[in-house]
Amino acid sequence: MKGRTINSNGITEGVIWKQLLAFFFPILFGTFFQQLYNTADAIIVGQFLGKEALAAVGGGTGTAINLLIGFFTGLSSGATVIISQHYGAKNGERVSASIHTSIALALSGGLIISILGYVFTRPLLVAIGTPDDVLPLAVSYMQIYFLGGIPVVMYNMGAGIFRAMGDSRTPFYFLLASCLTNIVLDLLFVGVFGMNVEGAAIATVISQLLSMVLIFVTLMRRKDESKLIIRKISFDRTLLRQILMIGFPAGIQSIMYTISNLIIQAAINQYGTDTAAAWAGWSKLDQIFWMFINAFSIAITTFVGQNFGAGKIDRAKKGVRTVTIMSAVSTFVIEAGYFIVGRYGLMLFITDSAVLEIGISIMRYIVPWYITYIAIELLSGAIRGVGKSFVPTLISVFGICVLRILWIYIVPVFDTSLFGVLFSYPFSWIVTSLLFIIYYFKGHIYETQKKH
């Protein structure tokens, strides 16, 4: 029995490029405002409190936060794939069960994040070589941030649920409201009350709590099989296993990405506070590219997932080709924008002239290589859309993590410059992209269509 059918949506019908763009833009804007959470902290903290505080809320701190949050976000990607496939197959009963299982997973995961994050904040920051003048501030910021683990995971899971059903606008509206709240509270707590980095962290937690409440209320008010009923929040063992089979490898991949980035961060920290602050400032501006490519990745995962569930394999393949063209064009435009106005963007975060010049040199070195990365995000998203996660994880762990870590430990023996460290990024992007291209075209990924 499939259960009652559910409403159809445009992802499995209509002109492909129009449907992709209609789905993509709310994700892009949502990702933009999601990045504004920490970016607003960085701008306000950098302007009011100085470079030590900026380094405390950006750079290594953000990477350390992603170590735990990224794992559970990876798990939520498994829920998105399973829900999108059942939604594409119009199996309302399994959509409902998948949503309640996903909510239970998010609540459990958020609690684990809060506990582990609070306990291991200081050891983690020490392990990556956080400068002594930054460490106390970074510990305070991260421990408060991790207390909001449940709202953070719940928003990401809730957004994944809506997107799996073809609705990318609703999570965007929630994120817009919470982001604006975050900015106002940042200015109030840091600028007016002088609460230091603790004020920025508290503002972020309150804002994320707002987005979680909006997710819950909206799902509870739905009139179809996707309606959230609190007493039904529990684990369906079969669906949980399916979600974990897809999401767990993605979560492990996220951890490995973050570990490799932490190792790079530790190498960068050795160049001093100015370089650490420059990297923190650049990391915020760098998010413009990642917002675009991440939005395209989410769009193609849902597009492939729903069309795969509906048995429309040719449409799924055409969607991958279309989104690749869109991503390439967007990347070239973004790269040009960095070279034209990137300096002024960095000035939003950096006021120290020496730090600014380091940030500009980092930007000009990294940006031309962006185009080599897009195949990784798009093809891994498409492959996960059909429910295959293990091989993409192996490719990513080897190409992004293992090679990058080897680079960091071997190359600086011969090249002690900052740019010797930074080239680990394009090197790993090129190798991993080639591996994904080979697997996508030779791995017969569409052959084992699931029955619903």
Protein backbone atom coordinates (compact mmCIF):
# COMPACT_ATOMS: atom_id res chain seq x y z
CA MET A 1 0.00 0.00 0.00
CA LYS A 2 1.31 3.41 -0.89
CA GLY A 3 -1.12 5.26 1.32
CA ARG A 4 -2.89 8.37 0.21
CA THR A 5 -1.35 10.28 -2.66
CA ILE A 6 0.10 13.73 -2.18
CA ASN A 7 0.05 16.88 -4.22
CA SER A 8 2.31 16.98 -7.26
CA ASN A 9 4.91 19.70 -7.86
CA GLY A 10 6.85 21.18 -10.74
CA ILE A 11 10.14 19.40 -10.09
CA THR A 12 9.00 16.29 -11.97
CA GLU A 13 7.24 18.32 -14.66
CA GLY A 14 7.77 21.37 -16.87
CA VAL A 15 10.83 23.05 -18.38
CA ILE A 16 13.90 21.80 -16.53
CA TRP A 17 15.95 24.99 -16.37
CA LYS A 18 12.95 27.01 -15.21
CA GLN A 19 12.11 24.50 -12.48
CA LEU A 20 15.74 24.37 -11.33
CA LEU A 21 16.03 28.15 -11.14
CA ALA A 22 12.69 28.47 -9.34
CA PHE A 23 13.94 25.98 -6.77
CA PHE A 24 17.53 27.30 -6.71
CA PHE A 25 16.99 30.98 -5.93
CA PRO A 26 15.16 30.56 -2.60
CA ILE A 27 17.91 28.11 -1.57
CA LEU A 28 20.57 30.62 -2.60
CA PHE A 29 18.96 33.48 -0.70
CA GLY A 30 18.39 31.17 2.24
CA THR A 31 22.03 30.09 2.21
CA PHE A 32 23.03 33.75 2.01
CA PHE A 33 21.06 34.62 5.12
CA GLN A 34 22.28 31.50 6.87
CA GLN A 35 25.84 32.67 6.30
CA LEU A 36 24.83 36.07 7.62
CA TYR A 37 24.43 34.50 11.06
CA ASN A 38 28.16 34.18 11.58
CA THR A 39 29.05 36.93 9.12
CA ALA A 40 27.01 39.49 11.06
CA ASP A 41 28.83 38.35 14.19
CA ALA A 42 32.16 38.81 12.39
CA ILE A 43 31.36 42.28 10.99
CA ILE A 44 29.97 43.67 14.23
CA VAL A 45 32.58 42.01 16.43
CA GLY A 46 35.40 43.04 14.09
CA GLN A 47 34.28 46.67 14.05
CA PHE A 48 33.47 47.01 17.77
CA LEU A 49 35.94 44.65 19.44
CA GLY A 50 39.03 44.31 17.19
CA LYS A 51 41.03 41.63 15.41
CA GLU A 52 41.38 39.22 18.36
CA ALA A 53 37.61 39.04 18.73
CA LEU A 54 37.25 38.68 14.94
CA ALA A 55 39.60 35.70 14.96
CA ALA A 56 37.57 34.26 17.86
CA VAL A 57 34.25 34.17 15.96
CA GLY A 58 35.62 33.30 12.51
CA GLY A 59 38.29 31.20 10.88
CA GLY A 60 39.21 28.27 13.11
CA THR A 61 36.16 28.75 15.34
CA GLY A 62 33.77 28.35 12.43
CA THR A 63 35.68 25.31 11.21
CA ALA A 64 35.58 23.74 14.68
CA ILE A 65 31.82 24.32 14.92
CA ASN A 66 31.35 22.61 11.58
CA LEU A 67 33.10 19.51 12.91
CA LEU A 68 30.00 18.53 14.90
CA ILE A 69 27.22 20.43 13.18
CA GLY A 70 28.40 19.30 9.74
CA PHE A 71 28.05 15.64 10.74
CA PHE A 72 24.39 16.00 11.68
CA THR A 73 23.74 18.17 8.63
CA GLY A 74 25.11 15.26 6.61
CA LEU A 75 22.64 12.97 8.36
CA SER A 76 19.81 15.33 7.40
CA SER A 77 20.81 15.01 3.74
CA GLY A 78 19.86 11.34 4.01
CA ALA A 79 16.40 12.37 5.20
CA THR A 80 16.07 14.80 2.30
CA VAL A 81 16.85 12.08 -0.25
CA ILE A 82 14.43 9.53 1.27
CA ILE A 83 11.59 12.07 1.59
CA SER A 84 12.14 13.40 -1.94
CA GLN A 85 12.04 9.90 -3.43
CA HIS A 86 8.80 9.01 -1.63
CA TYR A 87 7.37 12.42 -2.51
CA GLY A 88 8.25 11.94 -6.18
CA ALA A 89 6.56 8.52 -6.05
CA LYS A 90 3.51 10.18 -4.38
CA ASN A 91 3.65 7.80 -1.43
CA GLY A 92 2.06 9.94 1.28
CA GLU A 93 2.23 7.32 4.02
CA ARG A 94 6.00 6.94 3.74
CA VAL A 95 6.46 10.71 3.44
CA SER A 96 4.70 11.15 6.79
CA ALA A 97 6.71 8.40 8.49
CA SER A 98 9.96 9.78 7.03
CA ILE A 99 9.24 13.28 8.35
CA HIS A 100 8.51 12.11 11.91
CA THR A 101 11.62 9.92 11.92
CA SER A 102 13.69 12.84 10.64
CA ILE A 103 12.43 15.16 13.38
CA ALA A 104 13.26 12.56 16.02
CA LEU A 105 16.76 12.23 14.56
CA ALA A 106 17.27 16.01 14.58
CA LEU A 107 16.19 16.39 18.21
CA SER A 108 18.50 13.57 19.30
CA GLY A 109 21.39 14.87 17.21
CA GLY A 110 21.01 18.42 18.49
CA LEU A 111 21.20 17.24 22.08
CA ILE A 112 24.37 15.27 21.36
CA ILE A 113 25.92 18.32 19.69
CA SER A 114 25.21 20.51 22.71
CA ILE A 115 26.87 18.06 25.10
CA LEU A 116 29.91 17.17 23.00
CA GLY A 117 30.44 20.70 21.74
CA TYR A 118 30.39 22.27 25.19
CA VAL A 119 32.75 19.66 26.67
CA PHE A 120 35.31 19.54 23.86
CA THR A 121 35.45 23.21 22.84
CA ARG A 122 38.70 24.10 24.62
CA PRO A 123 40.63 20.90 23.72
CA LEU A 124 39.62 21.30 20.08
CA LEU A 125 40.69 24.94 19.89
CA VAL A 126 43.99 24.14 21.60
CA ALA A 127 44.57 21.24 19.20
CA ILE A 128 44.32 23.50 16.15
CA GLY A 129 46.77 26.00 17.62
CA THR A 130 44.41 28.90 18.32
CA PRO A 131 46.61 31.90 19.32
CA ASP A 132 46.80 32.53 23.09
CA ASP A 133 45.32 36.01 22.80
CA VAL A 134 42.31 34.60 20.92
CA LEU A 135 41.69 31.35 22.87
CA PRO A 136 39.62 32.67 25.86
CA LEU A 137 37.29 34.60 23.56
CA ALA A 138 36.91 31.67 21.15
CA VAL A 139 36.07 29.27 23.99
CA SER A 140 33.37 31.58 25.34
CA TYR A 141 31.83 32.07 21.90
CA MET A 142 31.79 28.38 20.97
CA GLN A 143 30.45 27.06 24.27
CA ILE A 144 27.46 29.37 24.13
CA TYR A 145 26.94 28.57 20.44
CA PHE A 146 26.88 24.83 21.13
CA LEU A 147 24.19 25.24 23.78
CA GLY A 148 21.92 25.98 20.82
CA GLY A 149 22.67 22.63 19.16
CA ILE A 150 19.03 21.49 18.92
CA PRO A 151 17.81 24.65 17.11
CA VAL A 152 20.76 24.51 14.68
CA VAL A 153 20.17 20.89 13.69
CA MET A 154 16.40 21.30 13.73
CA TYR A 155 16.48 24.18 11.25
CA ASN A 156 18.70 22.27 8.84
CA MET A 157 16.52 19.17 9.09
CA GLY A 158 13.33 21.22 8.72
CA ALA A 159 14.70 23.04 5.70
CA GLY A 160 15.66 19.67 4.18
CA ILE A 161 12.11 18.38 4.72
CA PHE A 162 10.50 21.32 2.94
CA ARG A 163 13.01 21.21 0.09
CA ALA A 164 12.49 17.47 -0.35
CA MET A 165 8.85 18.27 -1.06
CA GLY A 166 9.80 20.89 -3.64
CA ASP A 167 9.29 23.90 -1.35
CA SER A 168 12.46 25.98 -1.08
CA ARG A 169 10.66 29.23 -0.26
CA THR A 170 9.30 28.43 3.20
CA PRO A 171 12.69 27.71 4.83
CA PHE A 172 14.02 30.87 3.20
CA TYR A 173 11.34 32.99 4.85
CA PHE A 174 12.13 31.42 8.23
CA LEU A 175 15.82 32.04 7.80
CA LEU A 176 15.24 35.64 6.74
CA ALA A 177 13.28 36.32 9.93
CA SER A 178 15.85 34.67 12.19
CA CYS A 179 18.80 36.33 10.42
CA LEU A 180 17.33 39.81 10.79
CA THR A 181 16.69 39.00 14.44
CA ASN A 182 20.33 37.96 14.79
CA ILE A 183 21.63 41.22 13.32
CA VAL A 184 19.43 43.35 15.59
CA LEU A 185 20.45 41.36 18.66
CA ASP A 186 24.14 41.51 17.65
CA LEU A 187 24.00 45.29 17.51
CA LEU A 188 22.09 45.42 20.78
CA PHE A 189 24.20 42.97 22.79
CA VAL A 190 27.65 43.87 21.39
CA GLY A 191 27.28 47.48 20.23
CA VAL A 192 24.97 48.81 22.95
CA PHE A 193 25.43 46.52 25.96
CA GLY A 194 29.15 45.81 25.31
CA MET A 195 28.78 42.07 25.97
CA ASN A 196 31.90 41.09 23.94
CA VAL A 197 31.82 37.84 21.89
CA GLU A 198 29.38 36.27 24.36
CA GLY A 199 26.73 38.71 23.18
CA ALA A 200 27.22 37.65 19.55
CA ALA A 201 26.88 33.98 20.51
CA ILE A 202 23.70 34.57 22.54
CA ALA A 203 22.20 36.53 19.66
CA THR A 204 22.88 33.63 17.30
CA VAL A 205 21.33 31.03 19.62
CA ILE A 206 18.15 33.09 20.14
CA SER A 207 17.80 33.61 16.39
CA GLN A 208 18.23 29.92 15.63
CA LEU A 209 15.63 29.10 18.26
CA LEU A 210 13.19 31.34 16.39
CA SER A 211 13.77 29.43 13.14
CA MET A 212 13.17 26.12 14.92
CA VAL A 213 9.85 27.33 16.33
CA LEU A 214 8.75 28.48 12.87
CA ILE A 215 9.65 25.06 11.39
CA PHE A 216 7.58 23.23 14.00
CA VAL A 217 4.55 25.52 13.80
CA THR A 218 4.39 25.44 10.00
CA LEU A 219 4.71 21.65 9.76
CA MET A 220 2.04 21.23 12.45
CA ARG A 221 -0.38 23.42 10.50
CA ARG A 222 -0.08 21.52 7.20
CA LYS A 223 -3.23 19.78 5.95
CA ASP A 224 -1.66 16.90 3.98
CA GLU A 225 0.39 13.82 4.87
CA SER A 226 3.41 16.00 5.65
CA LYS A 227 1.64 17.38 8.75
CA LEU A 228 3.75 17.10 11.90
CA ILE A 229 1.98 15.46 14.86
CA ILE A 230 4.04 15.74 18.04
CA ARG A 231 2.95 12.39 19.50
CA LYS A 232 4.07 10.62 16.30
CA ILE A 233 7.67 11.83 16.56
CA SER A 234 9.56 8.55 16.82
CA PHE A 235 11.95 6.32 14.90
CA ASP A 236 10.66 4.08 12.14
CA ARG A 237 13.46 1.51 12.08
CA THR A 238 13.29 0.82 8.35
CA LEU A 239 13.27 4.49 7.40
CA LEU A 240 15.92 5.36 9.98
CA ARG A 241 18.18 2.69 8.50
CA GLN A 242 17.61 4.09 4.99
CA ILE A 243 18.28 7.63 6.17
CA LEU A 244 21.47 6.58 7.96
CA MET A 245 22.70 4.54 4.98
CA ILE A 246 22.69 7.75 2.94
CA GLY A 247 23.24 10.36 5.63
CA PHE A 248 25.89 8.66 7.79
CA PRO A 249 28.52 8.49 5.02
CA ALA A 250 27.71 12.14 4.18
CA GLY A 251 28.17 13.03 7.85
CA ILE A 252 31.50 11.20 8.01
CA GLN A 253 32.53 13.00 4.84
CA SER A 254 31.69 16.33 6.47
CA ILE A 255 33.80 15.43 9.50
CA MET A 256 36.74 14.47 7.30
CA TYR A 257 36.38 17.72 5.35
CA THR A 258 36.42 19.64 8.59
CA ILE A 259 39.37 17.71 10.03
CA SER A 260 41.41 18.49 6.93
CA ASN A 261 40.36 22.15 7.20
CA LEU A 262 41.31 22.18 10.88
CA ILE A 263 44.76 20.86 10.00
CA ILE A 264 45.08 23.62 7.40
CA GLN A 265 43.83 26.13 9.99
CA ALA A 266 46.51 24.93 12.41
CA ALA A 267 49.13 25.46 9.69
CA ILE A 268 47.78 28.96 9.00
CA ASN A 269 47.74 29.83 12.73
CA GLN A 270 51.50 29.27 12.80
CA TYR A 271 51.92 32.43 10.75
CA GLY A 272 50.55 34.56 13.62
CA THR A 273 47.45 36.51 14.67
CA ASP A 274 47.49 38.81 11.62
CA THR A 275 47.35 35.87 9.22
CA ALA A 276 44.73 34.08 11.36
CA ALA A 277 42.57 37.23 11.35
CA ALA A 278 43.07 37.69 7.59
CA TRP A 279 42.01 34.10 7.00
CA ALA A 280 38.96 34.61 9.24
CA GLY A 281 37.94 37.70 7.27
CA TRP A 282 38.54 36.04 3.91
CA SER A 283 36.57 32.98 5.04
CA LYS A 284 33.48 35.17 5.35
CA LEU A 285 33.86 36.69 1.89
CA ASP A 286 34.73 33.28 0.48
CA GLN A 287 31.23 32.11 1.44
CA ILE A 288 29.72 33.88 -1.59
CA PHE A 289 31.02 31.18 -3.90
CA TRP A 290 30.09 28.36 -1.52
CA MET A 291 26.57 29.74 -1.19
CA PHE A 292 26.06 29.45 -4.94
CA ILE A 293 27.58 26.01 -5.37
CA ASN A 294 25.86 24.66 -2.25
CA ALA A 295 22.49 25.93 -3.48
CA PHE A 296 23.03 24.24 -6.85
CA SER A 297 24.01 21.03 -5.06
CA ILE A 298 20.87 21.03 -2.89
CA ALA A 299 18.74 21.78 -5.93
CA ILE A 300 20.14 18.92 -8.00
CA THR A 301 19.92 16.45 -5.11
CA THR A 302 16.20 17.12 -4.70
CA PHE A 303 15.63 17.30 -8.47
CA VAL A 304 17.32 13.95 -9.07
CA GLY A 305 15.72 12.41 -5.98
CA GLN A 306 12.15 13.27 -6.98
CA ASN A 307 12.60 12.36 -10.64
CA PHE A 308 14.36 9.13 -9.70
CA GLY A 309 11.46 8.29 -7.39
CA ALA A 310 9.02 9.09 -10.19
CA GLY A 311 10.96 6.89 -12.65
CA LYS A 312 11.96 9.84 -14.86
CA ILE A 313 15.63 8.95 -15.31
CA ASP A 314 16.22 10.92 -18.54
CA ARG A 315 14.83 14.04 -16.90
CA ALA A 316 17.17 13.54 -13.94
CA LYS A 317 20.18 13.27 -16.28
CA LYS A 318 19.14 16.37 -18.20
CA GLY A 319 18.83 18.23 -14.91
CA VAL A 320 22.45 17.39 -14.05
CA ARG A 321 23.68 18.72 -17.41
CA THR A 322 21.62 21.88 -17.05
CA VAL A 323 22.75 22.66 -13.51
CA THR A 324 26.40 22.11 -14.48
CA ILE A 325 26.16 24.82 -17.14
CA MET A 326 24.43 27.16 -14.70
CA SER A 327 27.12 26.55 -12.07
CA ALA A 328 30.00 27.13 -14.47
CA VAL A 329 28.60 30.46 -15.67
CA SER A 330 27.90 31.58 -12.10
CA THR A 331 31.42 30.63 -11.00
CA PHE A 332 33.11 32.69 -13.71
CA VAL A 333 30.97 35.72 -12.80
CA ILE A 334 31.78 35.31 -9.10
CA GLU A 335 35.51 34.97 -9.79
CA ALA A 336 35.46 38.21 -11.78
CA GLY A 337 33.55 39.94 -8.98
CA TYR A 338 36.16 38.99 -6.38
CA PHE A 339 38.95 40.53 -8.44
CA ILE A 340 36.99 43.72 -9.12
CA VAL A 341 35.50 44.51 -5.70
CA GLY A 342 36.96 41.89 -3.35
CA ARG A 343 39.16 44.41 -1.52
CA TYR A 344 36.11 46.41 -0.44
CA GLY A 345 34.36 43.26 0.71
CA LEU A 346 37.30 42.37 2.95
CA MET A 347 37.20 45.85 4.44
CA LEU A 348 33.81 44.97 5.96
CA PHE A 349 35.62 42.58 8.27
CA ILE A 350 39.17 43.91 8.48
CA THR A 351 40.26 47.36 9.63
CA ASP A 352 43.96 46.66 10.22
CA SER A 353 45.90 47.51 7.02
CA ALA A 354 48.50 44.74 7.43
CA VAL A 355 45.77 42.15 7.95
CA LEU A 356 43.87 43.50 4.94
CA GLU A 357 46.84 43.06 2.59
CA ILE A 358 47.29 39.46 3.71
CA GLY A 359 43.59 38.83 3.11
CA ILE A 360 43.77 40.28 -0.40
CA SER A 361 46.75 38.11 -1.30
CA ILE A 362 44.91 35.00 -0.06
CA MET A 363 41.84 35.94 -2.12
CA ARG A 364 43.77 36.48 -5.34
CA TYR A 365 45.52 33.15 -4.92
CA ILE A 366 42.44 30.97 -4.19
CA VAL A 367 39.72 32.46 -6.39
CA PRO A 368 40.95 31.40 -9.88
CA TRP A 369 40.72 27.75 -8.81
CA TYR A 370 37.02 27.77 -7.91
CA ILE A 371 35.98 26.39 -11.31
CA THR A 372 37.86 23.17 -10.55
CA TYR A 373 35.55 22.42 -7.62
CA ILE A 374 32.03 22.54 -9.08
CA ALA A 375 31.95 18.94 -10.37
CA ILE A 376 32.52 17.67 -6.82
CA GLU A 377 29.45 19.35 -5.38
CA LEU A 378 27.10 18.81 -8.31
CA LEU A 379 27.91 15.20 -9.13
CA SER A 380 28.01 14.08 -5.50
CA GLY A 381 24.61 15.73 -5.04
CA ALA A 382 23.18 13.95 -8.06
CA ILE A 383 24.61 10.59 -6.99
CA ARG A 384 23.13 10.95 -3.50
CA GLY A 385 19.82 11.88 -5.08
CA VAL A 386 19.49 8.31 -6.36
CA GLY A 387 20.28 7.02 -2.87
CA LYS A 388 23.97 6.15 -3.32
CA SER A 389 26.24 7.67 -0.72
CA PHE A 390 29.07 5.23 0.02
CA VAL A 391 31.20 5.68 -3.11
CA PRO A 392 30.87 9.51 -3.14
CA THR A 393 32.06 9.48 0.45
CA LEU A 394 35.07 7.32 -0.40
CA ILE A 395 35.98 9.61 -3.29
CA SER A 396 35.64 12.73 -1.17
CA VAL A 397 37.51 11.31 1.82
CA PHE A 398 40.43 10.30 -0.40
CA GLY A 399 40.48 13.30 -2.73
CA ILE A 400 39.63 16.11 -0.32
CA CYS A 401 40.81 14.76 3.00
CA VAL A 402 43.62 12.24 2.61
CA LEU A 403 45.43 14.06 -0.19
CA ARG A 404 45.00 17.41 1.53
CA ILE A 405 46.37 16.13 4.83
CA LEU A 406 49.33 14.50 3.08
CA TRP A 407 49.98 17.79 1.31
CA ILE A 408 50.03 19.75 4.57
CA TYR A 409 52.54 17.39 6.15
CA ILE A 410 54.82 16.94 3.14
CA VAL A 411 54.88 20.14 1.04
CA PRO A 412 55.81 22.63 3.83
CA VAL A 413 59.07 20.72 4.19
CA PHE A 414 60.01 22.14 0.78
CA ASP A 415 57.87 25.30 0.70
CA THR A 416 57.39 27.14 4.02
CA SER A 417 55.30 29.97 2.54
CA LEU A 418 51.61 30.51 3.28
CA PHE A 419 50.80 29.79 -0.35
CA GLY A 420 52.48 26.42 -0.16
CA VAL A 421 49.85 25.55 2.44
CA LEU A 422 46.98 27.11 0.48
CA PHE A 423 47.67 25.16 -2.71
CA SER A 424 46.37 22.07 -0.91
CA TYR A 425 42.88 23.36 -1.81
CA PRO A 426 43.11 23.49 -5.62
CA PHE A 427 45.24 20.34 -5.73
CA SER A 428 42.57 18.35 -3.88
CA TRP A 429 39.73 19.93 -5.89
CA ILE A 430 41.23 18.91 -9.23
CA VAL A 431 41.90 15.30 -8.24
CA THR A 432 38.49 14.82 -6.61
CA SER A 433 36.60 16.38 -9.53
CA LEU A 434 38.24 13.96 -11.96
CA LEU A 435 37.29 11.00 -9.75
CA PHE A 436 33.66 12.12 -9.54
CA ILE A 437 33.41 12.66 -13.29
CA ILE A 438 34.71 9.13 -13.93
CA TYR A 439 32.33 7.57 -11.40
CA TYR A 440 29.27 9.50 -12.59
CA PHE A 441 29.69 8.46 -16.21
CA LYS A 442 31.08 4.94 -15.64
CA GLY A 443 29.39 3.90 -12.38
CA HIS A 444 25.89 3.11 -13.75
CA ILE A 445 24.38 5.09 -10.90
CA TYR A 446 20.82 5.18 -12.30
CA GLU A 447 20.46 1.45 -12.85
CA THR A 448 19.11 0.30 -9.48
CA GLN A 449 15.86 2.25 -9.25
CA LYS A 450 14.05 1.81 -5.94
CA LYS A 451 10.47 0.56 -5.79
CA HIS A 452 7.96 2.55 -3.75
